[in-house]
Amino acid sequence: MEKDYDVKRFAEIARKTKETDIHIQLSLYGSGRSTIDTGIGFFNHMLESFSKHALIDMNIQCTGDIFVDFHHTVEDCGIVIGQALQKCMFPVGNIERFGNGSVVMDEACVECDLDVSNRAFLFFDMSNAQNGYKGKIGNFDVELVEEFFRAVVMNAGISTHIALKRGKNLHHITESIFKAFALSLRRANTYNQRVCIPSTKGCL
């Protein structure tokens, strides 16, 4: 199966509910360029970091009910990013399929292992956080990070394990999470013509 980098691996999705109005453009094989506006500064920064290290071009415009809290915006952005990734990655062909990587940020180190399997699963373990992975980074609740990644992988069809090896600074841990996922996703989608369909079933 030949991969069409310009057409098949681009997605544009609009999703509007009573809580959020989101428009996304995503190019799986890009250069890491992004324009992100979710109304949440720290979340913008994490998505920009994801785009940069995944080498995915991504434009996201989101208007959400952040006057209530950030939950709907963060989760719904995860949904549309997952939907866009699913549209770009499947049907799978000529890619490595499996990707993994550890990312260090000062004292924090996060490992991510994933499988572009079309079977959604999330293992998210921050139990090694020295001071516990709870609280806020500015006004951003870190409990939303797990909700974001659950929304992404469930809609993308990716089996993903994210685990903290060590760390104590919430910002460092969280940024390492986004970067580790980006790196692993980039590696999993690495083109390899010899692989053809990366499954003994003959399809994914």
N, C-alpha and C. Protein backbone atom coordinates (compact mmCIF):
# COMPACT_ATOMS: atom_id res chain seq x y z
N MET A 1 0.84 -1.19 0.00
CA MET A 1 0.00 0.00 0.00
C MET A 1 0.88 1.24 0.00
N GLU A 2 0.75 2.07 -0.99
CA GLU A 2 1.53 3.30 -1.05
C GLU A 2 0.85 4.37 -0.19
N LYS A 3 1.64 5.15 0.46
CA LYS A 3 1.12 6.21 1.31
C LYS A 3 1.11 7.52 0.54
N ASP A 4 -0.04 8.19 0.48
CA ASP A 4 -0.15 9.48 -0.17
C ASP A 4 0.01 10.55 0.91
N TYR A 5 1.17 11.16 0.98
CA TYR A 5 1.48 12.09 2.05
C TYR A 5 0.64 13.36 1.98
N ASP A 6 0.27 13.79 0.78
CA ASP A 6 -0.37 15.08 0.63
C ASP A 6 -1.88 15.03 0.78
N VAL A 7 -2.49 13.90 0.45
CA VAL A 7 -3.94 13.84 0.43
C VAL A 7 -4.48 12.98 1.56
N LYS A 8 -4.12 11.72 1.58
CA LYS A 8 -4.71 10.79 2.54
C LYS A 8 -4.37 11.13 3.98
N ARG A 9 -3.24 11.81 4.18
CA ARG A 9 -2.78 12.01 5.54
C ARG A 9 -3.06 13.41 6.05
N PHE A 10 -4.11 14.03 5.52
CA PHE A 10 -4.57 15.35 5.96
C PHE A 10 -6.03 15.25 6.36
N ALA A 11 -6.38 15.93 7.45
CA ALA A 11 -7.78 15.90 7.90
C ALA A 11 -8.21 17.29 8.34
N GLU A 12 -9.44 17.60 8.07
CA GLU A 12 -10.06 18.84 8.55
C GLU A 12 -11.40 18.48 9.16
N ILE A 13 -11.60 18.88 10.40
CA ILE A 13 -12.80 18.49 11.14
C ILE A 13 -13.36 19.70 11.87
N ALA A 14 -14.68 19.84 11.84
CA ALA A 14 -15.38 20.85 12.63
C ALA A 14 -16.35 20.12 13.55
N ARG A 15 -16.38 20.52 14.80
CA ARG A 15 -17.26 19.89 15.79
C ARG A 15 -17.85 20.98 16.68
N LYS A 16 -19.16 21.05 16.74
CA LYS A 16 -19.82 22.08 17.53
C LYS A 16 -20.85 21.45 18.45
N THR A 17 -20.76 21.78 19.73
CA THR A 17 -21.74 21.36 20.72
C THR A 17 -22.18 22.60 21.52
N LYS A 18 -23.00 22.39 22.51
CA LYS A 18 -23.42 23.50 23.37
C LYS A 18 -22.26 23.98 24.26
N GLU A 19 -21.21 23.17 24.34
CA GLU A 19 -20.09 23.49 25.22
C GLU A 19 -18.85 24.01 24.49
N THR A 20 -18.63 23.53 23.26
CA THR A 20 -17.44 23.93 22.51
C THR A 20 -17.74 24.03 21.02
N ASP A 21 -16.95 24.85 20.35
CA ASP A 21 -17.00 24.98 18.89
C ASP A 21 -15.55 24.89 18.41
N ILE A 22 -15.21 23.78 17.74
CA ILE A 22 -13.81 23.50 17.42
C ILE A 22 -13.65 23.26 15.93
N HIS A 23 -12.59 23.82 15.38
CA HIS A 23 -12.19 23.56 14.00
C HIS A 23 -10.72 23.18 14.00
N ILE A 24 -10.38 22.08 13.33
CA ILE A 24 -9.01 21.60 13.30
C ILE A 24 -8.60 21.24 11.88
N GLN A 25 -7.38 21.55 11.55
CA GLN A 25 -6.71 21.07 10.35
C GLN A 25 -5.43 20.38 10.80
N LEU A 26 -5.21 19.15 10.33
CA LEU A 26 -4.07 18.37 10.79
C LEU A 26 -3.41 17.66 9.63
N SER A 27 -2.10 17.81 9.52
CA SER A 27 -1.31 17.12 8.50
C SER A 27 -0.31 16.22 9.20
N LEU A 28 -0.48 14.91 9.03
CA LEU A 28 0.31 13.93 9.79
C LEU A 28 1.80 14.02 9.48
N TYR A 29 2.14 14.26 8.22
CA TYR A 29 3.55 14.34 7.82
C TYR A 29 3.89 15.79 7.50
N GLY A 30 4.03 16.57 8.54
CA GLY A 30 4.33 17.98 8.38
C GLY A 30 5.73 18.31 8.88
N SER A 31 5.88 19.53 9.36
CA SER A 31 7.18 19.98 9.87
C SER A 31 7.09 20.50 11.29
N GLY A 32 5.94 20.30 11.93
CA GLY A 32 5.78 20.73 13.32
C GLY A 32 5.29 22.15 13.48
N ARG A 33 4.66 22.69 12.46
CA ARG A 33 4.12 24.04 12.54
C ARG A 33 2.71 24.00 13.13
N SER A 34 2.36 25.00 13.92
CA SER A 34 1.04 25.00 14.53
C SER A 34 0.53 26.41 14.78
N THR A 35 -0.77 26.52 14.74
CA THR A 35 -1.48 27.72 15.20
C THR A 35 -2.58 27.22 16.13
N ILE A 36 -2.43 27.52 17.41
CA ILE A 36 -3.32 26.95 18.42
C ILE A 36 -3.97 28.07 19.21
N ASP A 37 -5.30 28.03 19.31
CA ASP A 37 -6.02 28.98 20.15
C ASP A 37 -7.21 28.27 20.78
N THR A 38 -7.01 27.85 22.03
CA THR A 38 -8.08 27.17 22.77
C THR A 38 -8.67 28.06 23.86
N GLY A 39 -8.05 29.23 24.07
CA GLY A 39 -8.48 30.07 25.18
C GLY A 39 -7.79 29.73 26.48
N ILE A 40 -6.95 28.70 26.47
CA ILE A 40 -6.25 28.23 27.69
C ILE A 40 -4.75 28.27 27.40
N GLY A 41 -4.05 29.21 27.98
CA GLY A 41 -2.66 29.43 27.63
C GLY A 41 -1.75 28.23 27.80
N PHE A 42 -1.81 27.58 28.94
CA PHE A 42 -0.93 26.43 29.18
C PHE A 42 -1.25 25.28 28.23
N PHE A 43 -2.53 25.05 27.97
CA PHE A 43 -2.95 24.00 27.05
C PHE A 43 -2.47 24.30 25.64
N ASN A 44 -2.56 25.57 25.23
CA ASN A 44 -1.99 25.96 23.93
C ASN A 44 -0.53 25.56 23.84
N HIS A 45 0.22 25.86 24.89
CA HIS A 45 1.65 25.57 24.92
C HIS A 45 1.92 24.07 24.79
N MET A 46 1.11 23.25 25.44
CA MET A 46 1.30 21.79 25.37
C MET A 46 0.98 21.28 23.97
N LEU A 47 -0.06 21.80 23.35
CA LEU A 47 -0.42 21.37 21.99
C LEU A 47 0.62 21.82 20.97
N GLU A 48 1.17 23.01 21.16
CA GLU A 48 2.26 23.47 20.29
C GLU A 48 3.47 22.56 20.42
N SER A 49 3.76 22.13 21.65
CA SER A 49 4.89 21.23 21.88
C SER A 49 4.63 19.87 21.24
N PHE A 50 3.41 19.38 21.36
CA PHE A 50 3.03 18.12 20.71
C PHE A 50 3.23 18.20 19.21
N SER A 51 2.74 19.27 18.60
CA SER A 51 2.87 19.46 17.15
C SER A 51 4.34 19.49 16.74
N LYS A 52 5.14 20.23 17.47
CA LYS A 52 6.56 20.39 17.14
C LYS A 52 7.29 19.06 17.16
N HIS A 53 7.07 18.26 18.20
CA HIS A 53 7.87 17.04 18.37
C HIS A 53 7.28 15.84 17.63
N ALA A 54 6.00 15.92 17.27
CA ALA A 54 5.40 14.87 16.43
C ALA A 54 5.64 15.14 14.95
N LEU A 55 6.13 16.35 14.64
CA LEU A 55 6.26 16.81 13.25
C LEU A 55 4.91 16.75 12.53
N ILE A 56 3.88 17.12 13.28
CA ILE A 56 2.53 17.21 12.75
C ILE A 56 2.16 18.69 12.64
N ASP A 57 1.71 19.11 11.46
CA ASP A 57 1.20 20.47 11.30
C ASP A 57 -0.24 20.50 11.79
N MET A 58 -0.54 21.47 12.64
CA MET A 58 -1.86 21.44 13.27
C MET A 58 -2.35 22.86 13.54
N ASN A 59 -3.54 23.14 13.05
CA ASN A 59 -4.23 24.40 13.35
C ASN A 59 -5.50 24.07 14.12
N ILE A 60 -5.65 24.67 15.29
CA ILE A 60 -6.84 24.44 16.11
C ILE A 60 -7.39 25.77 16.58
N GLN A 61 -8.67 25.98 16.33
CA GLN A 61 -9.40 27.12 16.87
C GLN A 61 -10.55 26.57 17.70
N CYS A 62 -10.60 26.95 18.95
CA CYS A 62 -11.63 26.43 19.85
C CYS A 62 -12.22 27.56 20.67
N THR A 63 -13.53 27.63 20.66
CA THR A 63 -14.27 28.51 21.57
C THR A 63 -15.05 27.61 22.51
N GLY A 64 -14.76 27.70 23.79
CA GLY A 64 -15.42 26.81 24.75
C GLY A 64 -15.92 27.56 25.97
N ASP A 65 -16.66 26.84 26.81
CA ASP A 65 -17.24 27.44 28.01
C ASP A 65 -16.22 27.44 29.15
N ILE A 66 -15.07 28.09 28.91
CA ILE A 66 -14.02 28.10 29.93
C ILE A 66 -14.39 28.98 31.12
N PHE A 67 -15.48 29.72 31.01
CA PHE A 67 -16.00 30.46 32.18
C PHE A 67 -16.57 29.48 33.21
N VAL A 68 -16.93 28.27 32.76
CA VAL A 68 -17.39 27.22 33.68
C VAL A 68 -16.17 26.55 34.30
N ASP A 69 -15.39 25.88 33.45
CA ASP A 69 -14.06 25.36 33.78
C ASP A 69 -13.41 24.94 32.47
N PHE A 70 -12.24 24.31 32.54
CA PHE A 70 -11.50 23.97 31.33
C PHE A 70 -11.81 22.57 30.81
N HIS A 71 -12.61 21.81 31.55
CA HIS A 71 -12.79 20.39 31.25
C HIS A 71 -13.34 20.17 29.84
N HIS A 72 -14.41 20.84 29.49
CA HIS A 72 -15.04 20.59 28.19
C HIS A 72 -14.10 20.93 27.05
N THR A 73 -13.39 22.05 27.16
CA THR A 73 -12.48 22.45 26.09
C THR A 73 -11.35 21.46 25.92
N VAL A 74 -10.74 21.05 27.02
CA VAL A 74 -9.60 20.12 26.94
C VAL A 74 -10.05 18.76 26.40
N GLU A 75 -11.14 18.22 26.93
CA GLU A 75 -11.61 16.91 26.48
C GLU A 75 -12.07 16.95 25.02
N ASP A 76 -12.79 17.99 24.64
CA ASP A 76 -13.32 18.06 23.27
C ASP A 76 -12.21 18.29 22.26
N CYS A 77 -11.18 19.04 22.63
CA CYS A 77 -10.01 19.16 21.74
C CYS A 77 -9.35 17.79 21.57
N GLY A 78 -9.30 17.02 22.64
CA GLY A 78 -8.78 15.66 22.53
C GLY A 78 -9.59 14.81 21.58
N ILE A 79 -10.91 14.97 21.62
CA ILE A 79 -11.79 14.21 20.74
C ILE A 79 -11.49 14.54 19.27
N VAL A 80 -11.42 15.83 18.92
CA VAL A 80 -11.24 16.19 17.51
C VAL A 80 -9.81 15.88 17.03
N ILE A 81 -8.82 16.02 17.91
CA ILE A 81 -7.46 15.62 17.53
C ILE A 81 -7.42 14.11 17.27
N GLY A 82 -8.07 13.34 18.12
CA GLY A 82 -8.14 11.90 17.91
C GLY A 82 -8.85 11.54 16.62
N GLN A 83 -9.96 12.22 16.34
CA GLN A 83 -10.70 11.96 15.10
C GLN A 83 -9.85 12.30 13.87
N ALA A 84 -9.11 13.39 13.96
CA ALA A 84 -8.25 13.79 12.84
C ALA A 84 -7.11 12.79 12.64
N LEU A 85 -6.51 12.33 13.74
CA LEU A 85 -5.46 11.33 13.64
C LEU A 85 -5.99 10.03 13.05
N GLN A 86 -7.17 9.62 13.47
CA GLN A 86 -7.77 8.39 12.96
C GLN A 86 -7.97 8.48 11.46
N LYS A 87 -8.46 9.62 11.01
CA LYS A 87 -8.69 9.81 9.58
C LYS A 87 -7.38 9.79 8.80
N CYS A 88 -6.32 10.34 9.41
CA CYS A 88 -5.02 10.40 8.73
C CYS A 88 -4.28 9.07 8.72
N MET A 89 -4.39 8.31 9.78
CA MET A 89 -3.55 7.11 9.94
C MET A 89 -4.14 5.86 9.31
N PHE A 90 -5.47 5.77 9.23
CA PHE A 90 -6.10 4.54 8.76
C PHE A 90 -6.70 4.74 7.37
N PRO A 91 -6.64 3.69 6.53
CA PRO A 91 -6.08 2.37 6.79
C PRO A 91 -4.55 2.42 6.90
N VAL A 92 -4.02 1.59 7.78
CA VAL A 92 -2.59 1.58 8.05
C VAL A 92 -1.84 0.81 6.96
N GLY A 93 -0.75 1.36 6.52
CA GLY A 93 0.11 0.67 5.57
C GLY A 93 1.47 1.32 5.47
N ASN A 94 2.51 0.50 5.39
CA ASN A 94 3.88 0.99 5.19
C ASN A 94 4.37 1.90 6.30
N ILE A 95 3.96 1.64 7.53
CA ILE A 95 4.49 2.37 8.67
C ILE A 95 5.00 1.37 9.72
N GLU A 96 5.80 1.87 10.64
CA GLU A 96 6.36 1.00 11.67
C GLU A 96 5.29 0.44 12.60
N ARG A 97 4.22 1.19 12.82
CA ARG A 97 3.07 0.84 13.65
C ARG A 97 3.33 1.01 15.14
N PHE A 98 4.44 0.51 15.65
CA PHE A 98 4.77 0.62 17.08
C PHE A 98 5.76 1.77 17.29
N GLY A 99 5.56 2.53 18.35
CA GLY A 99 6.47 3.61 18.66
C GLY A 99 6.65 3.76 20.15
N ASN A 100 7.83 4.13 20.55
CA ASN A 100 8.06 4.37 21.98
C ASN A 100 9.15 5.42 22.15
N GLY A 101 9.17 6.01 23.33
CA GLY A 101 10.20 7.00 23.61
C GLY A 101 10.07 7.51 25.03
N SER A 102 11.20 7.89 25.60
CA SER A 102 11.23 8.54 26.91
C SER A 102 11.72 9.96 26.73
N VAL A 103 11.09 10.89 27.42
CA VAL A 103 11.47 12.29 27.33
C VAL A 103 11.80 12.81 28.73
N VAL A 104 12.94 13.46 28.80
CA VAL A 104 13.43 14.04 30.05
C VAL A 104 13.22 15.54 30.02
N MET A 105 12.73 16.08 31.12
CA MET A 105 12.71 17.53 31.32
C MET A 105 13.16 17.78 32.75
N ASP A 106 14.42 18.15 32.89
CA ASP A 106 15.04 18.33 34.20
C ASP A 106 14.89 17.05 35.03
N GLU A 107 14.21 17.12 36.17
CA GLU A 107 14.11 15.95 37.05
C GLU A 107 13.05 14.94 36.59
N ALA A 108 12.22 15.34 35.63
CA ALA A 108 11.09 14.50 35.21
C ALA A 108 11.46 13.65 34.00
N CYS A 109 10.95 12.43 33.98
CA CYS A 109 11.15 11.53 32.85
C CYS A 109 9.88 10.73 32.64
N VAL A 110 9.32 10.81 31.45
CA VAL A 110 8.09 10.11 31.11
C VAL A 110 8.34 9.20 29.92
N GLU A 111 7.80 7.99 30.01
CA GLU A 111 7.91 7.02 28.92
C GLU A 111 6.54 6.80 28.29
N CYS A 112 6.53 6.72 26.96
CA CYS A 112 5.30 6.43 26.23
C CYS A 112 5.56 5.30 25.25
N ASP A 113 4.68 4.31 25.23
CA ASP A 113 4.72 3.21 24.27
C ASP A 113 3.34 3.14 23.63
N LEU A 114 3.30 3.04 22.30
CA LEU A 114 1.98 3.00 21.66
C LEU A 114 1.97 2.11 20.43
N ASP A 115 0.77 1.73 20.06
CA ASP A 115 0.52 0.85 18.93
C ASP A 115 -0.62 1.44 18.11
N VAL A 116 -0.33 1.74 16.85
CA VAL A 116 -1.38 2.23 15.94
C VAL A 116 -2.15 1.00 15.47
N SER A 117 -3.06 0.56 16.31
CA SER A 117 -3.66 -0.77 16.20
C SER A 117 -5.12 -0.75 15.77
N ASN A 118 -5.76 0.43 15.83
CA ASN A 118 -7.21 0.54 15.65
C ASN A 118 -7.96 -0.15 16.79
N ARG A 119 -7.26 -0.34 17.90
CA ARG A 119 -7.87 -0.83 19.15
C ARG A 119 -7.48 0.15 20.25
N ALA A 120 -8.44 0.93 20.69
CA ALA A 120 -8.16 2.01 21.63
C ALA A 120 -7.96 1.50 23.05
N PHE A 121 -6.91 2.00 23.70
CA PHE A 121 -6.67 1.68 25.10
C PHE A 121 -5.73 2.73 25.68
N LEU A 122 -5.96 3.10 26.94
CA LEU A 122 -5.05 4.03 27.61
C LEU A 122 -4.66 3.49 28.98
N PHE A 123 -3.34 3.35 29.19
CA PHE A 123 -2.77 3.12 30.51
C PHE A 123 -2.02 4.40 30.87
N PHE A 124 -2.42 5.02 31.97
CA PHE A 124 -1.86 6.32 32.36
C PHE A 124 -1.47 6.24 33.82
N ASP A 125 -0.17 6.22 34.10
CA ASP A 125 0.31 5.99 35.46
C ASP A 125 1.29 7.09 35.87
N MET A 126 0.85 7.91 36.81
CA MET A 126 1.69 8.97 37.35
C MET A 126 2.04 8.71 38.81
N SER A 127 1.97 7.45 39.23
CA SER A 127 2.16 7.12 40.65
C SER A 127 3.57 7.40 41.15
N ASN A 128 4.52 7.56 40.24
CA ASN A 128 5.89 7.85 40.66
C ASN A 128 6.16 9.34 40.88
N ALA A 129 5.15 10.16 40.75
CA ALA A 129 5.32 11.59 41.02
C ALA A 129 5.68 11.78 42.49
N GLN A 130 6.78 12.43 42.75
CA GLN A 130 7.31 12.54 44.10
C GLN A 130 6.32 13.22 45.05
N ASN A 131 5.63 14.24 44.55
CA ASN A 131 4.68 14.97 45.39
C ASN A 131 3.23 14.68 45.00
N GLY A 132 3.03 13.64 44.18
CA GLY A 132 1.70 13.33 43.70
C GLY A 132 1.35 14.16 42.48
N TYR A 133 0.69 13.54 41.51
CA TYR A 133 0.32 14.26 40.29
C TYR A 133 -1.09 14.80 40.45
N LYS A 134 -1.21 15.88 41.19
CA LYS A 134 -2.49 16.54 41.39
C LYS A 134 -2.23 18.00 41.74
N GLY A 135 -3.21 18.83 41.41
CA GLY A 135 -3.06 20.25 41.65
C GLY A 135 -3.19 21.05 40.37
N LYS A 136 -2.63 22.24 40.35
CA LYS A 136 -2.78 23.14 39.22
C LYS A 136 -1.42 23.64 38.73
N ILE A 137 -1.35 23.89 37.43
CA ILE A 137 -0.25 24.63 36.83
C ILE A 137 -0.85 25.96 36.41
N GLY A 138 -0.59 27.00 37.16
CA GLY A 138 -1.34 28.24 36.97
C GLY A 138 -2.79 27.98 37.34
N ASN A 139 -3.68 28.12 36.36
CA ASN A 139 -5.09 27.81 36.61
C ASN A 139 -5.54 26.56 35.86
N PHE A 140 -4.58 25.77 35.43
CA PHE A 140 -4.87 24.54 34.68
C PHE A 140 -4.81 23.33 35.61
N ASP A 141 -5.91 22.58 35.70
CA ASP A 141 -5.97 21.38 36.54
C ASP A 141 -5.24 20.23 35.86
N VAL A 142 -4.22 19.66 36.51
CA VAL A 142 -3.47 18.59 35.87
C VAL A 142 -4.29 17.31 35.70
N GLU A 143 -5.39 17.17 36.44
CA GLU A 143 -6.24 16.00 36.25
C GLU A 143 -6.82 15.96 34.84
N LEU A 144 -6.82 17.08 34.14
CA LEU A 144 -7.36 17.14 32.78
C LEU A 144 -6.42 16.50 31.76
N VAL A 145 -5.15 16.33 32.13
CA VAL A 145 -4.20 15.73 31.19
C VAL A 145 -4.62 14.31 30.84
N GLU A 146 -4.97 13.52 31.83
CA GLU A 146 -5.41 12.15 31.57
C GLU A 146 -6.70 12.15 30.74
N GLU A 147 -7.61 13.07 31.03
CA GLU A 147 -8.86 13.15 30.27
C GLU A 147 -8.57 13.48 28.81
N PHE A 148 -7.60 14.37 28.58
CA PHE A 148 -7.23 14.72 27.21
C PHE A 148 -6.72 13.51 26.46
N PHE A 149 -5.78 12.78 27.05
CA PHE A 149 -5.19 11.65 26.33
C PHE A 149 -6.18 10.50 26.17
N ARG A 150 -7.08 10.34 27.11
CA ARG A 150 -8.11 9.32 26.93
C ARG A 150 -8.97 9.67 25.72
N ALA A 151 -9.34 10.93 25.58
CA ALA A 151 -10.15 11.35 24.45
C ALA A 151 -9.39 11.17 23.14
N VAL A 152 -8.10 11.50 23.13
CA VAL A 152 -7.31 11.35 21.91
C VAL A 152 -7.24 9.90 21.48
N VAL A 153 -6.78 9.01 22.37
CA VAL A 153 -6.52 7.63 21.95
C VAL A 153 -7.80 6.87 21.67
N MET A 154 -8.88 7.16 22.38
CA MET A 154 -10.14 6.46 22.14
C MET A 154 -10.71 6.82 20.78
N ASN A 155 -10.51 8.05 20.34
CA ASN A 155 -11.02 8.48 19.04
C ASN A 155 -10.05 8.18 17.91
N ALA A 156 -8.76 8.06 18.23
CA ALA A 156 -7.77 7.76 17.20
C ALA A 156 -7.62 6.27 16.94
N GLY A 157 -7.97 5.44 17.91
CA GLY A 157 -7.76 4.00 17.76
C GLY A 157 -6.32 3.60 18.02
N ILE A 158 -5.73 4.19 19.06
CA ILE A 158 -4.34 3.91 19.42
C ILE A 158 -4.31 3.29 20.80
N SER A 159 -3.54 2.23 20.95
CA SER A 159 -3.29 1.64 22.26
C SER A 159 -2.05 2.32 22.84
N THR A 160 -2.21 2.98 23.97
CA THR A 160 -1.17 3.86 24.49
C THR A 160 -0.91 3.64 25.97
N HIS A 161 0.37 3.52 26.31
CA HIS A 161 0.80 3.43 27.71
C HIS A 161 1.70 4.63 28.00
N ILE A 162 1.32 5.42 28.99
CA ILE A 162 2.09 6.58 29.41
C ILE A 162 2.40 6.43 30.89
N ALA A 163 3.68 6.42 31.22
CA ALA A 163 4.06 6.19 32.61
C ALA A 163 5.19 7.14 33.02
N LEU A 164 5.05 7.71 34.19
CA LEU A 164 6.08 8.56 34.75
C LEU A 164 7.14 7.69 35.43
N LYS A 165 8.38 7.83 35.00
CA LYS A 165 9.48 7.13 35.64
C LYS A 165 9.88 7.82 36.94
N ARG A 166 9.99 9.15 36.88
CA ARG A 166 10.33 9.93 38.06
C ARG A 166 10.01 11.39 37.78
N GLY A 167 9.82 12.17 38.83
CA GLY A 167 9.56 13.59 38.67
C GLY A 167 8.80 14.17 39.83
N LYS A 168 8.87 15.49 39.98
CA LYS A 168 8.13 16.15 41.05
C LYS A 168 7.50 17.47 40.62
N ASN A 169 8.06 18.14 39.62
CA ASN A 169 7.52 19.41 39.16
C ASN A 169 6.39 19.15 38.17
N LEU A 170 5.21 19.68 38.48
CA LEU A 170 4.03 19.39 37.66
C LEU A 170 4.18 19.86 36.22
N HIS A 171 4.78 21.02 36.04
CA HIS A 171 5.00 21.52 34.68
C HIS A 171 5.94 20.61 33.91
N HIS A 172 7.05 20.23 34.53
CA HIS A 172 8.01 19.36 33.86
C HIS A 172 7.40 18.02 33.50
N ILE A 173 6.66 17.45 34.44
CA ILE A 173 6.02 16.15 34.18
C ILE A 173 5.05 16.25 33.01
N THR A 174 4.19 17.26 33.04
CA THR A 174 3.16 17.39 32.02
C THR A 174 3.75 17.64 30.64
N GLU A 175 4.75 18.49 30.57
CA GLU A 175 5.37 18.75 29.28
C GLU A 175 6.07 17.49 28.76
N SER A 176 6.67 16.72 29.65
CA SER A 176 7.30 15.46 29.25
C SER A 176 6.26 14.47 28.71
N ILE A 177 5.06 14.49 29.28
CA ILE A 177 3.99 13.60 28.81
C ILE A 177 3.65 13.92 27.35
N PHE A 178 3.40 15.18 27.07
CA PHE A 178 3.02 15.58 25.71
C PHE A 178 4.14 15.30 24.71
N LYS A 179 5.38 15.56 25.12
CA LYS A 179 6.51 15.34 24.22
C LYS A 179 6.76 13.85 23.99
N ALA A 180 6.61 13.04 25.03
CA ALA A 180 6.82 11.59 24.88
C ALA A 180 5.77 10.99 23.96
N PHE A 181 4.53 11.42 24.10
CA PHE A 181 3.47 10.93 23.21
C PHE A 181 3.76 11.36 21.77
N ALA A 182 4.19 12.60 21.60
CA ALA A 182 4.51 13.11 20.25
C ALA A 182 5.62 12.31 19.61
N LEU A 183 6.69 12.08 20.36
CA LEU A 183 7.83 11.33 19.84
C LEU A 183 7.44 9.91 19.46
N SER A 184 6.67 9.26 20.31
CA SER A 184 6.24 7.88 20.05
C SER A 184 5.33 7.80 18.84
N LEU A 185 4.43 8.76 18.70
CA LEU A 185 3.52 8.78 17.56
C LEU A 185 4.29 9.01 16.26
N ARG A 186 5.26 9.91 16.30
CA ARG A 186 6.09 10.16 15.12
C ARG A 186 6.84 8.91 14.70
N ARG A 187 7.39 8.19 15.66
CA ARG A 187 8.14 6.97 15.35
C ARG A 187 7.23 5.88 14.83
N ALA A 188 6.03 5.76 15.40
CA ALA A 188 5.09 4.73 14.95
C ALA A 188 4.65 4.97 13.52
N ASN A 189 4.56 6.23 13.11
CA ASN A 189 4.11 6.57 11.76
C ASN A 189 5.26 6.74 10.77
N THR A 190 6.46 6.32 11.17
CA THR A 190 7.60 6.37 10.26
C THR A 190 7.36 5.46 9.06
N TYR A 191 7.56 6.01 7.88
CA TYR A 191 7.34 5.27 6.64
C TYR A 191 8.37 4.15 6.48
N ASN A 192 7.90 2.97 6.18
CA ASN A 192 8.76 1.82 5.91
C ASN A 192 8.07 0.94 4.86
N GLN A 193 8.53 1.06 3.64
CA GLN A 193 7.88 0.36 2.52
C GLN A 193 7.93 -1.15 2.68
N ARG A 194 8.94 -1.67 3.37
CA ARG A 194 9.07 -3.12 3.52
C ARG A 194 7.98 -3.71 4.41
N VAL A 195 7.40 -2.87 5.28
CA VAL A 195 6.42 -3.38 6.25
C VAL A 195 5.12 -3.75 5.57
N CYS A 196 4.70 -2.99 4.57
CA CYS A 196 3.41 -3.17 3.91
C CYS A 196 2.30 -3.07 4.94
N ILE A 197 1.47 -4.10 5.13
CA ILE A 197 0.45 -4.07 6.17
C ILE A 197 1.06 -4.64 7.44
N PRO A 198 1.25 -3.83 8.49
CA PRO A 198 1.98 -4.29 9.68
C PRO A 198 1.14 -5.14 10.62
N SER A 199 0.55 -6.20 10.09
CA SER A 199 -0.28 -7.08 10.92
C SER A 199 -0.41 -8.44 10.24
N THR A 200 -0.37 -9.50 11.02
CA THR A 200 -0.57 -10.84 10.46
C THR A 200 -2.01 -11.04 10.01
N LYS A 201 -2.94 -10.17 10.48
CA LYS A 201 -4.33 -10.27 10.05
C LYS A 201 -4.52 -9.76 8.62
N GLY A 202 -3.57 -8.92 8.17
CA GLY A 202 -3.67 -8.37 6.83
C GLY A 202 -4.38 -7.04 6.75
N CYS A 203 -4.85 -6.53 7.90
CA CYS A 203 -5.49 -5.21 7.91
C CYS A 203 -5.50 -4.68 9.35
N LEU A 204 -5.58 -3.38 9.45
CA LEU A 204 -5.73 -2.73 10.75
C LEU A 204 -6.75 -1.59 10.61
